[in-house]
Amino acid sequence: MKVLIVDDEQANRLILQAMLKKSGHEVVEACNGQEAVELFDEHHPELVLMDVMMPVMDGYDATRAIKDKSVKHFTPVIFLTAITDEDALVKCVESGGDDFLTKPYNRTILQAKIAAMERIRLLNHTITKQNQELGEYHKYIQHEQEVAEKIFSKLMQQGETDLPMVNIFRESAATFNGDICLVTRQPSGVIYLLVGDFTGHGLAAALGALPATQIFYAMSNKGFSIDEIIIEINQRLKSLLPTGMFLAASVLQLDPSTSTASIWHGGLPDIIMVSGQDRSMTKLSSKHLPLGVVDKSSLHFQPEHIKLSDNDRIIIYSDGLIETFNKKGEIFGMERLERVISEAGDTDNSYIDIIISDLEDFRKDVMSHDDVSVVEFICDDRFYSNEVIANEKSSPDEPRKWEMTFVFGYDLLGAFDPLPIMMNVLRDIQGLQKYKEDLFLILSELYVNALDYGILHLDSSLKKQPGGFEKYYAERSKRLKKLKDGWIKITLADEKNNETGHLTIIVEDSGKGFDHSAFINAKTADQHTHGRGVLLVNSLATSLRYNTEGNRAEVRYEWQ
């Protein structure tokens, strides 16, 4: 080792020099603290033997100066002293000393102390080097995560994120966000919304979001119902995720044609619904297990159906919001959230802005330990607007002649939705993606009428009663489970007439039919109860004809 000896007495320096050189060390000498600091900069010794009392600069100040110069590289300092006063020894330690060597010097003890300091110095060097390597590795991982997060975010935004009636706030506790907020709109104008919170946060939680997101957008864009989407996501997560990891989620289907919200709520905190009339609040508690916990046979996937009124709001959030702490250890909590919403009063502004502003005031500069997500749906005029954003407006294929018929028996009607298949047929055979809004509405209305009125014999006037929608859907589900006979046949056919295609859609059922004449001849229909479907189909189609009984509907739709 290269050792710097600092002592104003030459005799002491000579004794130490002899001991050190005999042990093979290289020696540099200084007669005061100031000279020691200068020689330290010049020779960079690996050990300093420092006297306490010296002229020009004492050992305390010299040690402080040397320690300031060797922040990145540990240089041990052993004080040379005959002092036994406790306060003086404490001062040596406070100034940066690492050990003591008392006078008169003992060669054996000196060698032992030097060996101990060398071990500490080498250990410190190893730790410093490892910290540097870890720092470089951390920068590399951080860069990789930032790139992955950008890709991940784009995958999360495959659907429509600019729907004005849906407001979303997301904040990550790490680079990756384990919460998902997915929204898309079907050609019919129905909005599908999924708000989810995976176990934990960061990359591990975010990985589960990829399959859930792909399934949600793929199935919703093909017209699958939310219960079918829930089942598929649950099965995929159950097969992929390790034990103890799952997705607490709320899945909503918001239908402007019936002013209803179908809500499946599994594992997230209470959904808050604010009345547009008197701003009163009601809460919808979770009634289902999170997704990815149990198999399909044990999962209850039937949603609740809630009637919407003008300016109603639905607020969904992850537990990261209400479990945020401030510096005092206080929790944001459900009670505070409800108070913030209640005090928001009658405003056209988003409640999310008010909630997050209060959250910032509460936690100050303390970041949440978990991901925070808040989603707000506002049932205003924008929800009922007929403007539907079509992602694909490519021209259809040249008209050609073809026909295809499907027959669905009673055992399929309760467990299978044929609409996605019908839409895929029209897209793949004829390329009618440009007209998917009209065709989806026509097919869905005719099929639902055939199933509800023809096969299940439901009375649509039930919807007029207080709580009628909930009763209607409950009765519908009950009859589907007990269904033992009946069928629905759907025929799709197209003919070419110059550059115009003449698409025929025929929907037949085995029921007794219903009185359709009042609806076809009507100029208006009660959009909040029943009859709107027939009127809508009649307005979209080139022609609509029912047979006398009303169990066979034939639509003619011309397209260019």
Protein backbone atom coordinates (compact mmCIF):
# COMPACT_ATOMS: atom_id res chain seq x y z
CA MET A 1 0.00 0.00 0.00
CA LYS A 2 0.96 3.65 -0.42
CA VAL A 3 0.72 5.21 3.07
CA LEU A 4 0.75 8.93 3.92
CA ILE A 5 2.29 9.64 7.36
CA VAL A 6 1.28 13.01 8.84
CA ASP A 7 3.14 14.07 12.03
CA ASP A 8 4.99 17.26 13.00
CA GLU A 9 7.64 15.28 14.93
CA GLN A 10 10.30 13.77 12.67
CA ALA A 11 11.13 11.01 15.19
CA ASN A 12 7.60 9.68 15.04
CA ARG A 13 7.66 9.75 11.25
CA LEU A 14 10.94 7.84 11.13
CA ILE A 15 9.64 5.14 13.50
CA LEU A 16 6.48 4.66 11.42
CA GLN A 17 8.43 4.77 8.16
CA ALA A 18 10.74 2.00 9.32
CA MET A 19 7.80 -0.18 10.42
CA LEU A 20 5.91 0.34 7.19
CA LYS A 21 8.84 -0.17 4.79
CA LYS A 22 9.79 -3.35 6.60
CA SER A 23 6.28 -4.61 5.81
CA GLY A 24 6.70 -3.64 2.14
CA HIS A 25 4.61 -0.45 2.07
CA GLU A 26 5.47 2.72 0.14
CA VAL A 27 5.63 5.83 2.35
CA VAL A 28 4.89 9.54 1.79
CA GLU A 29 5.53 12.00 4.65
CA ALA A 30 3.93 15.34 5.68
CA CYS A 31 4.78 17.50 8.67
CA ASN A 32 1.41 19.26 9.04
CA GLY A 33 -2.20 19.06 7.93
CA GLN A 34 -1.90 21.53 5.08
CA GLU A 35 1.04 19.66 3.53
CA ALA A 36 -0.87 16.39 4.00
CA VAL A 37 -3.83 17.67 1.95
CA GLU A 38 -1.47 18.83 -0.82
CA LEU A 39 0.42 15.51 -0.90
CA PHE A 40 -2.85 13.60 -0.88
CA ASP A 41 -3.85 15.30 -4.13
CA GLU A 42 -0.44 14.53 -5.64
CA HIS A 43 0.17 10.91 -4.55
CA HIS A 44 -3.35 9.52 -3.92
CA PRO A 45 -2.34 7.30 -0.97
CA GLU A 46 -4.46 4.29 0.02
CA LEU A 47 -4.07 4.87 3.77
CA VAL A 48 -3.41 7.93 5.96
CA LEU A 49 -1.78 7.88 9.43
CA MET A 50 -2.78 11.24 10.93
CA ASP A 51 -1.45 12.99 14.02
CA VAL A 52 -3.94 15.17 15.93
CA MET A 53 -2.09 18.21 17.21
CA MET A 54 0.00 19.94 14.49
CA PRO A 55 0.84 23.49 13.38
CA VAL A 56 -0.67 25.23 10.30
CA MET A 57 -3.60 22.75 10.14
CA ASP A 58 -4.46 20.17 12.79
CA GLY A 59 -5.45 16.57 12.12
CA TYR A 60 -9.19 17.20 12.44
CA ASP A 61 -9.36 19.75 9.63
CA ALA A 62 -6.90 17.82 7.46
CA THR A 63 -8.99 14.66 7.80
CA ARG A 64 -12.16 16.51 6.86
CA ALA A 65 -10.46 17.91 3.76
CA ILE A 66 -9.09 14.49 2.75
CA LYS A 67 -12.46 12.80 3.26
CA ASP A 68 -14.14 15.44 1.08
CA LYS A 69 -11.65 14.65 -1.68
CA SER A 70 -12.15 10.89 -1.48
CA VAL A 71 -15.95 10.61 -1.62
CA LYS A 72 -15.92 8.20 -4.56
CA HIS A 73 -12.92 6.21 -3.34
CA PHE A 74 -12.73 5.19 0.30
CA THR A 75 -9.40 6.21 1.91
CA PRO A 76 -9.12 5.09 5.56
CA VAL A 77 -7.60 7.48 8.12
CA ILE A 78 -6.00 6.14 11.33
CA PHE A 79 -5.40 8.80 13.98
CA LEU A 80 -2.03 8.78 15.79
CA THR A 81 -2.63 9.97 19.31
CA ALA A 82 -1.62 9.73 22.92
CA ILE A 83 -4.93 11.33 23.89
CA THR A 84 -7.19 9.24 26.09
CA ASP A 85 -9.83 11.91 26.68
CA GLU A 86 -13.21 10.59 25.48
CA ASP A 87 -14.36 13.92 24.03
CA ALA A 88 -11.15 14.22 21.99
CA LEU A 89 -11.55 10.67 20.65
CA VAL A 90 -15.16 11.38 19.74
CA LYS A 91 -13.97 14.46 17.83
CA CYS A 92 -11.58 12.25 15.86
CA VAL A 93 -14.45 10.05 14.74
CA GLU A 94 -16.68 13.02 13.94
CA SER A 95 -14.01 14.51 11.69
CA GLY A 96 -13.87 11.31 9.62
CA GLY A 97 -11.36 9.09 11.37
CA ASP A 98 -11.74 5.34 10.91
CA ASP A 99 -9.49 4.03 13.73
CA PHE A 100 -6.89 4.98 16.40
CA LEU A 101 -3.25 4.05 16.97
CA THR A 102 -1.93 5.09 20.39
CA LYS A 103 1.58 6.15 21.12
CA PRO A 104 4.08 4.56 21.65
CA TYR A 105 3.58 2.56 18.45
CA ASN A 106 3.40 -1.24 18.44
CA ARG A 107 4.40 -2.83 15.11
CA THR A 108 2.09 -5.84 15.51
CA ILE A 109 -0.91 -3.69 16.30
CA LEU A 110 -0.05 -1.33 13.43
CA GLN A 111 0.10 -4.23 10.95
CA ALA A 112 -3.23 -5.57 12.24
CA LYS A 113 -4.95 -2.21 11.89
CA ILE A 114 -3.50 -1.67 8.40
CA ALA A 115 -4.68 -5.14 7.33
CA ALA A 116 -8.18 -4.40 8.69
CA MET A 117 -8.34 -1.06 6.87
CA GLU A 118 -7.15 -2.73 3.66
CA ARG A 119 -9.97 -5.26 3.88
CA ILE A 120 -12.49 -2.46 4.40
CA ARG A 121 -10.97 -0.44 1.54
CA LEU A 122 -11.11 -3.37 -0.89
CA LEU A 123 -14.65 -4.18 0.18
CA ASN A 124 -15.67 -0.57 -0.36
CA HIS A 125 -14.00 -0.60 -3.78
CA THR A 126 -15.91 -3.74 -4.73
CA ILE A 127 -19.21 -2.24 -3.56
CA THR A 128 -18.52 0.99 -5.45
CA LYS A 129 -17.75 -0.94 -8.64
CA GLN A 130 -20.88 -3.06 -8.25
CA ASN A 131 -22.98 0.06 -7.65
CA GLN A 132 -21.62 1.54 -10.86
CA GLU A 133 -22.47 -1.64 -12.75
CA LEU A 134 -25.94 -1.70 -11.17
CA GLY A 135 -26.41 1.94 -12.15
CA GLU A 136 -25.57 1.18 -15.77
CA TYR A 137 -27.81 -1.88 -15.72
CA HIS A 138 -30.63 0.17 -14.19
CA LYS A 139 -30.30 2.73 -16.99
CA TYR A 140 -30.45 -0.08 -19.55
CA ILE A 141 -33.52 -1.66 -17.93
CA GLN A 142 -35.17 1.75 -17.60
CA HIS A 143 -34.65 2.38 -21.32
CA GLU A 144 -36.02 -1.06 -22.20
CA GLN A 145 -39.08 -0.49 -20.00
CA GLU A 146 -39.74 2.92 -21.52
CA VAL A 147 -39.69 1.43 -25.02
CA ALA A 148 -41.91 -1.47 -23.93
CA GLU A 149 -44.28 0.92 -22.15
CA LYS A 150 -44.77 2.95 -25.34
CA ILE A 151 -45.66 -0.22 -27.25
CA PHE A 152 -47.86 -1.37 -24.38
CA SER A 153 -49.72 1.96 -24.28
CA LYS A 154 -50.47 1.79 -28.01
CA LEU A 155 -51.86 -1.72 -27.58
CA MET A 156 -54.06 -0.45 -24.77
CA GLN A 157 -55.53 2.23 -27.04
CA GLN A 158 -56.78 0.11 -29.92
CA GLY A 159 -60.36 1.23 -29.38
CA GLU A 160 -61.96 4.66 -29.30
CA THR A 161 -60.47 6.81 -26.55
CA ASP A 162 -61.98 10.11 -27.68
CA LEU A 163 -65.62 9.45 -26.82
CA PRO A 164 -66.70 12.75 -25.24
CA MET A 165 -69.13 11.11 -22.81
CA VAL A 166 -66.39 8.89 -21.31
CA ASN A 167 -63.63 10.56 -19.26
CA ILE A 168 -60.57 8.59 -18.12
CA PHE A 169 -57.76 9.32 -15.65
CA ARG A 170 -54.83 6.92 -15.16
CA GLU A 171 -51.71 7.29 -13.02
CA SER A 172 -48.96 4.70 -12.70
CA ALA A 173 -47.12 3.77 -9.52
CA ALA A 174 -44.34 2.34 -11.73
CA THR A 175 -43.27 2.51 -15.39
CA PHE A 176 -46.03 0.07 -16.31
CA ASN A 177 -49.63 0.47 -15.25
CA GLY A 178 -51.48 -2.59 -13.94
CA ASP A 179 -54.86 -0.88 -14.40
CA ILE A 180 -56.69 -1.06 -17.72
CA CYS A 181 -59.36 1.29 -19.03
CA LEU A 182 -60.73 0.05 -22.36
CA VAL A 183 -63.57 1.66 -24.30
CA THR A 184 -65.01 1.06 -27.74
CA ARG A 185 -68.26 1.63 -29.56
CA GLN A 186 -70.16 -0.83 -31.70
CA PRO A 187 -71.69 0.10 -35.05
CA SER A 188 -75.07 0.34 -33.28
CA GLY A 189 -73.74 3.09 -31.02
CA VAL A 190 -73.54 0.79 -27.98
CA ILE A 191 -70.50 1.60 -25.84
CA TYR A 192 -68.47 -1.18 -24.25
CA LEU A 193 -66.34 -0.19 -21.28
CA LEU A 194 -63.92 -2.28 -19.22
CA VAL A 195 -62.17 -0.93 -16.12
CA GLY A 196 -59.77 -3.39 -14.50
CA ASP A 197 -57.11 -3.62 -11.80
CA PHE A 198 -54.62 -6.49 -11.87
CA THR A 199 -53.09 -7.79 -8.66
CA GLY A 200 -50.05 -5.66 -7.74
CA HIS A 201 -48.57 -3.09 -10.11
CA GLY A 202 -45.71 -2.64 -12.54
CA LEU A 203 -44.60 -5.01 -15.31
CA ALA A 204 -45.99 -8.20 -13.74
CA ALA A 205 -49.45 -6.67 -13.46
CA ALA A 206 -49.27 -5.12 -16.93
CA LEU A 207 -48.46 -8.42 -18.67
CA GLY A 208 -51.92 -9.76 -17.89
CA ALA A 209 -53.45 -6.70 -19.55
CA LEU A 210 -52.29 -7.72 -23.04
CA PRO A 211 -54.51 -10.80 -23.54
CA ALA A 212 -57.44 -9.10 -21.79
CA THR A 213 -57.15 -6.07 -24.08
CA GLN A 214 -56.87 -8.11 -27.27
CA ILE A 215 -59.92 -10.20 -26.37
CA PHE A 216 -61.99 -7.16 -25.39
CA TYR A 217 -61.40 -5.23 -28.59
CA ALA A 218 -61.56 -8.22 -30.93
CA MET A 219 -64.84 -9.53 -29.52
CA SER A 220 -66.55 -6.18 -28.99
CA ASN A 221 -65.74 -5.10 -32.56
CA LYS A 222 -67.35 -8.31 -33.81
CA GLY A 223 -70.52 -7.65 -31.84
CA PHE A 224 -70.19 -10.21 -29.05
CA SER A 225 -72.19 -9.53 -25.89
CA ILE A 226 -70.43 -8.54 -22.66
CA ASP A 227 -71.18 -11.86 -20.97
CA GLU A 228 -69.40 -13.68 -23.81
CA ILE A 229 -66.47 -11.25 -23.55
CA ILE A 230 -66.30 -11.77 -19.77
CA ILE A 231 -66.28 -15.56 -20.17
CA GLU A 232 -63.50 -15.48 -22.76
CA ILE A 233 -61.28 -13.08 -20.76
CA ASN A 234 -61.81 -15.16 -17.61
CA GLN A 235 -60.81 -18.39 -19.35
CA ARG A 236 -57.71 -16.86 -20.91
CA LEU A 237 -56.52 -15.29 -17.65
CA LYS A 238 -57.30 -18.46 -15.70
CA SER A 239 -55.01 -20.42 -18.01
CA LEU A 240 -52.22 -17.82 -18.14
CA LEU A 241 -51.95 -16.15 -14.75
CA PRO A 242 -50.17 -17.72 -11.75
CA THR A 243 -52.11 -18.52 -8.60
CA GLY A 244 -52.88 -15.39 -6.62
CA MET A 245 -52.92 -13.06 -9.62
CA PHE A 246 -56.27 -11.96 -11.06
CA LEU A 247 -58.18 -9.06 -12.62
CA ALA A 248 -60.71 -7.15 -10.56
CA ALA A 249 -62.94 -5.59 -13.21
CA SER A 250 -66.14 -3.84 -14.14
CA VAL A 251 -67.55 -4.37 -17.63
CA LEU A 252 -70.33 -2.11 -18.89
CA GLN A 253 -72.56 -2.15 -21.93
CA LEU A 254 -74.14 1.28 -22.43
CA ASP A 255 -77.02 1.22 -24.92
CA PRO A 256 -78.40 4.58 -26.14
CA SER A 257 -81.33 2.93 -27.95
CA THR A 258 -82.80 1.58 -24.70
CA SER A 259 -81.15 3.99 -22.25
CA THR A 260 -79.81 1.09 -20.23
CA ALA A 261 -76.51 0.20 -18.62
CA SER A 262 -75.71 -3.49 -18.29
CA ILE A 263 -73.05 -3.80 -15.59
CA TRP A 264 -70.92 -6.77 -14.55
CA HIS A 265 -69.02 -5.83 -11.40
CA GLY A 266 -66.35 -8.18 -10.05
CA GLY A 267 -63.85 -7.20 -7.36
CA LEU A 268 -63.48 -3.43 -7.82
CA PRO A 269 -64.68 -0.94 -5.17
CA ASP A 270 -68.30 0.22 -5.22
CA ILE A 271 -69.42 1.88 -8.44
CA ILE A 272 -70.93 5.31 -7.70
CA MET A 273 -73.98 6.38 -9.72
CA VAL A 274 -75.05 10.01 -9.54
CA SER A 275 -78.60 10.94 -10.53
CA GLY A 276 -78.87 13.61 -13.21
CA GLN A 277 -82.09 14.87 -11.61
CA ASP A 278 -81.25 15.53 -7.95
CA ARG A 279 -77.53 14.57 -7.78
CA SER A 280 -78.30 11.85 -5.27
CA MET A 281 -75.79 9.01 -5.06
CA THR A 282 -76.30 5.26 -5.10
CA LYS A 283 -73.61 2.60 -4.91
CA LEU A 284 -73.34 -0.68 -6.76
CA SER A 285 -71.26 -3.23 -4.85
CA SER A 286 -69.32 -6.08 -6.41
CA LYS A 287 -71.37 -9.26 -6.72
CA HIS A 288 -68.92 -11.37 -8.69
CA LEU A 289 -65.45 -12.84 -8.32
CA PRO A 290 -62.55 -11.18 -10.17
CA LEU A 291 -61.60 -12.60 -13.56
CA GLY A 292 -59.01 -15.35 -13.70
CA VAL A 293 -59.90 -16.90 -10.33
CA VAL A 294 -62.35 -19.68 -11.19
CA ASP A 295 -63.38 -21.65 -14.28
CA LYS A 296 -66.41 -20.77 -16.38
CA SER A 297 -68.59 -23.27 -14.55
CA SER A 298 -68.11 -21.37 -11.27
CA LEU A 299 -68.24 -17.84 -12.70
CA HIS A 300 -71.47 -15.85 -12.54
CA PHE A 301 -71.44 -13.68 -15.64
CA GLN A 302 -74.99 -12.31 -15.80
CA PRO A 303 -74.85 -8.47 -15.67
CA GLU A 304 -77.24 -6.15 -13.87
CA HIS A 305 -79.45 -3.93 -16.02
CA ILE A 306 -79.94 -0.33 -14.89
CA LYS A 307 -82.18 2.32 -16.46
CA LEU A 308 -80.37 5.52 -17.39
CA SER A 309 -81.82 9.02 -17.22
CA ASP A 310 -80.59 12.27 -18.68
CA ASN A 311 -77.30 13.51 -17.19
CA ASP A 312 -76.81 10.45 -14.98
CA ARG A 313 -73.17 9.73 -14.20
CA ILE A 314 -71.40 6.45 -13.51
CA ILE A 315 -68.04 6.63 -11.74
CA ILE A 316 -65.72 3.59 -11.62
CA TYR A 317 -62.31 3.59 -9.97
CA SER A 318 -59.54 1.28 -8.80
CA ASP A 319 -58.68 0.83 -5.12
CA GLY A 320 -55.48 2.82 -5.69
CA LEU A 321 -57.64 5.98 -5.45
CA ILE A 322 -59.27 5.37 -2.07
CA GLU A 323 -56.15 3.68 -0.60
CA THR A 324 -53.85 6.67 -1.20
CA PHE A 325 -52.06 7.91 1.96
CA ASN A 326 -50.73 11.35 2.85
CA LYS A 327 -47.69 12.29 4.99
CA LYS A 328 -49.72 11.93 8.17
CA GLY A 329 -50.58 8.34 7.34
CA GLU A 330 -54.23 9.23 6.69
CA ILE A 331 -56.09 7.36 3.96
CA PHE A 332 -58.10 9.11 1.24
CA GLY A 333 -60.94 6.67 1.76
CA MET A 334 -64.45 6.10 0.46
CA GLU A 335 -66.05 8.66 2.76
CA ARG A 336 -63.90 11.49 1.39
CA LEU A 337 -64.59 10.41 -2.20
CA GLU A 338 -68.34 10.48 -1.62
CA ARG A 339 -68.08 13.90 0.00
CA VAL A 340 -66.11 15.28 -2.95
CA ILE A 341 -68.72 13.98 -5.41
CA SER A 342 -71.57 15.28 -3.28
CA GLU A 343 -70.02 18.75 -3.05
CA ALA A 344 -69.43 18.84 -6.81
CA GLY A 345 -73.12 19.62 -7.19
CA ASP A 346 -74.74 20.54 -10.47
CA THR A 347 -71.93 21.07 -12.94
CA ASP A 348 -71.33 20.24 -16.57
CA ASN A 349 -67.63 19.72 -15.88
CA SER A 350 -66.13 16.28 -15.44
CA TYR A 351 -66.24 14.95 -11.89
CA ILE A 352 -62.82 13.41 -12.54
CA ASP A 353 -61.16 16.84 -12.57
CA ILE A 354 -62.73 17.62 -9.19
CA ILE A 355 -61.78 14.23 -7.71
CA ILE A 356 -58.16 14.35 -8.85
CA SER A 357 -57.77 17.96 -7.72
CA ASP A 358 -58.91 16.95 -4.23
CA LEU A 359 -56.61 13.92 -4.33
CA GLU A 360 -53.63 16.19 -5.09
CA ASP A 361 -54.56 18.51 -2.21
CA PHE A 362 -54.82 15.49 0.10
CA ARG A 363 -51.55 13.74 -0.66
CA LYS A 364 -49.42 16.80 -1.56
CA ASP A 365 -46.09 15.44 -2.86
CA VAL A 366 -46.68 11.85 -1.68
CA MET A 367 -47.15 9.53 -4.64
CA SER A 368 -49.66 6.71 -4.49
CA HIS A 369 -48.21 3.28 -3.78
CA ASP A 370 -50.63 1.73 -6.26
CA ASP A 371 -51.92 2.56 -9.75
CA VAL A 372 -54.84 5.01 -9.74
CA SER A 373 -57.63 4.89 -12.34
CA VAL A 374 -60.91 6.79 -12.47
CA VAL A 375 -63.47 6.50 -15.27
CA GLU A 376 -66.62 8.61 -15.62
CA PHE A 377 -69.54 8.05 -17.99
CA ILE A 378 -71.99 10.93 -18.56
CA CYS A 379 -75.40 10.10 -19.99
CA ASP A 380 -75.90 13.36 -21.92
CA ASP A 381 -76.88 14.33 -25.46
CA ARG A 382 -73.52 13.15 -26.78
CA PHE A 383 -74.43 9.61 -25.73
CA TYR A 384 -77.63 9.68 -27.78
CA SER A 385 -76.02 11.30 -30.80
CA ASN A 386 -76.29 9.32 -34.04
CA GLU A 387 -72.68 10.09 -34.90
CA VAL A 388 -70.83 6.78 -34.93
CA ILE A 389 -67.12 6.71 -35.66
CA ALA A 390 -66.41 4.04 -38.24
CA ASN A 391 -62.83 2.78 -38.17
CA GLU A 392 -63.10 1.14 -41.57
CA LYS A 393 -64.69 2.91 -44.56
CA SER A 394 -63.18 0.92 -47.38
CA SER A 395 -65.33 0.31 -50.41
CA PRO A 396 -67.12 -3.05 -50.62
CA ASP A 397 -66.31 -5.70 -53.17
CA GLU A 398 -68.11 -5.77 -56.51
CA PRO A 399 -71.65 -7.16 -56.05
CA ARG A 400 -72.01 -10.87 -56.72
CA LYS A 401 -74.76 -13.45 -56.37
CA TRP A 402 -74.72 -15.63 -53.23
CA GLU A 403 -77.02 -16.98 -50.53
CA MET A 404 -76.45 -18.49 -47.07
CA THR A 405 -78.90 -19.79 -44.45
CA PHE A 406 -78.38 -20.53 -40.74
CA VAL A 407 -80.79 -22.31 -38.41
CA PHE A 408 -80.31 -22.00 -34.64
CA GLY A 409 -82.16 -24.45 -32.39
CA TYR A 410 -83.39 -23.75 -28.88
CA ASP A 411 -80.27 -25.23 -27.27
CA LEU A 412 -78.11 -22.59 -29.03
CA LEU A 413 -80.36 -19.58 -28.55
CA GLY A 414 -79.58 -19.19 -24.86
CA ALA A 415 -75.83 -19.74 -25.10
CA PHE A 416 -74.80 -18.33 -28.47
CA ASP A 417 -74.95 -14.95 -30.18
CA PRO A 418 -75.14 -15.36 -33.99
CA LEU A 419 -74.66 -11.66 -34.81
CA PRO A 420 -70.84 -11.74 -34.95
CA ILE A 421 -71.00 -14.63 -37.42
CA MET A 422 -73.53 -12.78 -39.58
CA MET A 423 -71.38 -9.66 -39.63
CA ASN A 424 -68.27 -11.68 -40.51
CA VAL A 425 -70.15 -13.28 -43.42
CA LEU A 426 -71.09 -9.88 -44.80
CA ARG A 427 -67.55 -8.62 -44.34
CA ASP A 428 -65.66 -11.63 -45.70
CA ILE A 429 -67.92 -12.57 -48.62
CA GLN A 430 -69.00 -9.14 -49.81
CA GLY A 431 -66.73 -6.70 -47.97
CA LEU A 432 -69.63 -4.64 -46.62
CA GLN A 433 -67.63 -3.06 -43.81
CA LYS A 434 -68.62 0.37 -45.06
CA TYR A 435 -72.26 -0.39 -44.25
CA LYS A 436 -71.67 -2.28 -41.01
CA GLU A 437 -73.52 0.29 -38.86
CA ASP A 438 -76.81 -0.11 -40.75
CA LEU A 439 -76.49 -3.86 -41.18
CA PHE A 440 -75.62 -4.49 -37.54
CA LEU A 441 -78.64 -2.50 -36.39
CA ILE A 442 -80.96 -4.31 -38.81
CA LEU A 443 -79.71 -7.79 -37.91
CA SER A 444 -79.65 -7.17 -34.17
CA GLU A 445 -83.16 -5.68 -34.05
CA LEU A 446 -84.69 -8.45 -36.15
CA TYR A 447 -82.94 -11.19 -34.20
CA VAL A 448 -83.83 -9.76 -30.80
CA ASN A 449 -87.47 -9.35 -31.85
CA ALA A 450 -87.58 -12.96 -33.07
CA LEU A 451 -86.00 -14.26 -29.87
CA ASP A 452 -87.77 -12.08 -27.31
CA TYR A 453 -91.26 -11.96 -28.79
CA GLY A 454 -91.38 -14.98 -31.09
CA ILE A 455 -89.58 -17.62 -29.01
CA LEU A 456 -89.68 -16.33 -25.42
CA HIS A 457 -93.10 -14.60 -25.67
CA LEU A 458 -91.94 -11.63 -23.63
CA ASP A 459 -94.20 -8.61 -23.21
CA SER A 460 -92.28 -5.43 -24.06
CA SER A 461 -94.79 -3.29 -22.18
CA LEU A 462 -93.17 -4.62 -19.02
CA LYS A 463 -90.45 -2.03 -19.61
CA LYS A 464 -92.93 0.78 -18.90
CA GLN A 465 -93.32 -0.24 -15.26
CA PRO A 466 -91.08 1.12 -12.48
CA GLY A 467 -87.92 -0.95 -12.59
CA GLY A 468 -89.26 -2.48 -15.78
CA PHE A 469 -85.96 -2.97 -17.54
CA GLU A 470 -84.51 -4.95 -14.65
CA LYS A 471 -87.65 -7.11 -14.52
CA TYR A 472 -87.64 -7.56 -18.31
CA TYR A 473 -84.03 -8.77 -18.48
CA ALA A 474 -84.45 -10.96 -15.42
CA GLU A 475 -87.48 -12.64 -16.99
CA ARG A 476 -85.62 -12.96 -20.30
CA SER A 477 -82.72 -14.75 -18.61
CA LYS A 478 -85.10 -17.02 -16.72
CA ARG A 479 -86.99 -18.08 -19.86
CA LEU A 480 -83.78 -18.68 -21.83
CA LYS A 481 -82.62 -21.15 -19.18
CA LYS A 482 -85.91 -23.04 -19.35
CA LEU A 483 -86.19 -23.02 -23.16
CA LYS A 484 -86.97 -26.53 -24.51
CA ASP A 485 -88.12 -25.88 -28.09
CA GLY A 486 -88.12 -23.35 -30.89
CA TRP A 487 -85.77 -22.16 -33.63
CA ILE A 488 -84.67 -19.05 -35.52
CA LYS A 489 -83.61 -19.14 -39.15
CA ILE A 490 -81.54 -16.36 -40.74
CA THR A 491 -81.01 -16.11 -44.49
CA LEU A 492 -78.55 -13.74 -46.11
CA ALA A 493 -78.59 -13.34 -49.90
CA ASP A 494 -77.18 -10.81 -52.35
CA GLU A 495 -77.88 -10.14 -56.00
CA LYS A 496 -76.12 -7.93 -58.51
CA ASN A 497 -77.95 -5.28 -60.47
CA ASN A 498 -75.37 -3.34 -62.47
CA GLU A 499 -73.19 -1.65 -59.83
CA THR A 500 -75.81 -1.96 -57.10
CA GLY A 501 -76.06 -4.81 -54.64
CA HIS A 502 -79.46 -5.97 -53.42
CA LEU A 503 -78.96 -7.61 -50.02
CA THR A 504 -81.85 -9.62 -48.61
CA ILE A 505 -82.04 -10.45 -44.91
CA ILE A 506 -84.77 -12.85 -43.78
CA VAL A 507 -85.30 -13.67 -40.11
CA GLU A 508 -87.88 -16.34 -39.27
CA ASP A 509 -88.85 -17.94 -35.98
CA SER A 510 -91.05 -20.79 -34.81
CA GLY A 511 -93.17 -18.54 -32.59
CA LYS A 512 -96.68 -17.23 -33.10
CA GLY A 513 -95.45 -13.81 -34.18
CA PHE A 514 -96.52 -10.38 -32.94
CA ASP A 515 -98.52 -7.37 -34.04
CA HIS A 516 -96.00 -5.49 -36.13
CA SER A 517 -98.33 -3.28 -38.16
CA ALA A 518 -98.67 -0.59 -35.49
CA PHE A 519 -94.93 -0.14 -35.35
CA ILE A 520 -94.26 -0.15 -39.11
CA ASN A 521 -96.97 2.44 -39.76
CA ALA A 522 -95.97 4.63 -36.80
CA LYS A 523 -94.02 7.80 -37.41
CA THR A 524 -92.47 7.86 -33.96
CA ALA A 525 -91.79 5.36 -31.21
CA ASP A 526 -91.13 5.61 -27.51
CA GLN A 527 -87.35 5.30 -27.46
CA HIS A 528 -87.35 4.59 -23.75
CA THR A 529 -89.74 1.61 -23.80
CA HIS A 530 -90.51 -0.42 -26.89
CA GLY A 531 -91.33 -0.34 -30.59
CA ARG A 532 -88.27 1.64 -31.60
CA GLY A 533 -86.53 -1.37 -33.14
CA VAL A 534 -89.08 -1.98 -35.92
CA LEU A 535 -89.26 1.72 -36.71
CA LEU A 536 -85.46 1.93 -36.86
CA VAL A 537 -85.14 -1.06 -39.23
CA ASN A 538 -87.86 0.40 -41.44
CA SER A 539 -85.96 3.70 -41.69
CA LEU A 540 -82.61 2.06 -42.52
CA ALA A 541 -83.76 -0.58 -44.98
CA THR A 542 -84.89 -0.07 -48.56
CA SER A 543 -87.94 -2.12 -47.62
CA LEU A 544 -89.25 -4.12 -44.63
CA ARG A 545 -92.00 -6.70 -44.90
CA TYR A 546 -93.54 -9.01 -42.31
CA ASN A 547 -95.79 -11.95 -43.04
CA THR A 548 -99.29 -11.89 -41.61
CA GLU A 549 -98.37 -13.66 -38.38
CA GLY A 550 -95.31 -11.50 -37.77
CA ASN A 551 -92.86 -14.39 -37.38
CA ARG A 552 -91.06 -13.74 -40.67
CA ALA A 553 -89.35 -10.44 -41.46
CA GLU A 554 -87.77 -9.73 -44.83
CA VAL A 555 -85.48 -6.75 -45.34
CA ARG A 556 -84.16 -5.50 -48.65
CA TYR A 557 -81.04 -3.32 -48.43
CA GLU A 558 -79.51 -1.71 -51.51
CA TRP A 559 -75.87 -0.69 -51.53
CA GLN A 560 -73.42 0.75 -54.04
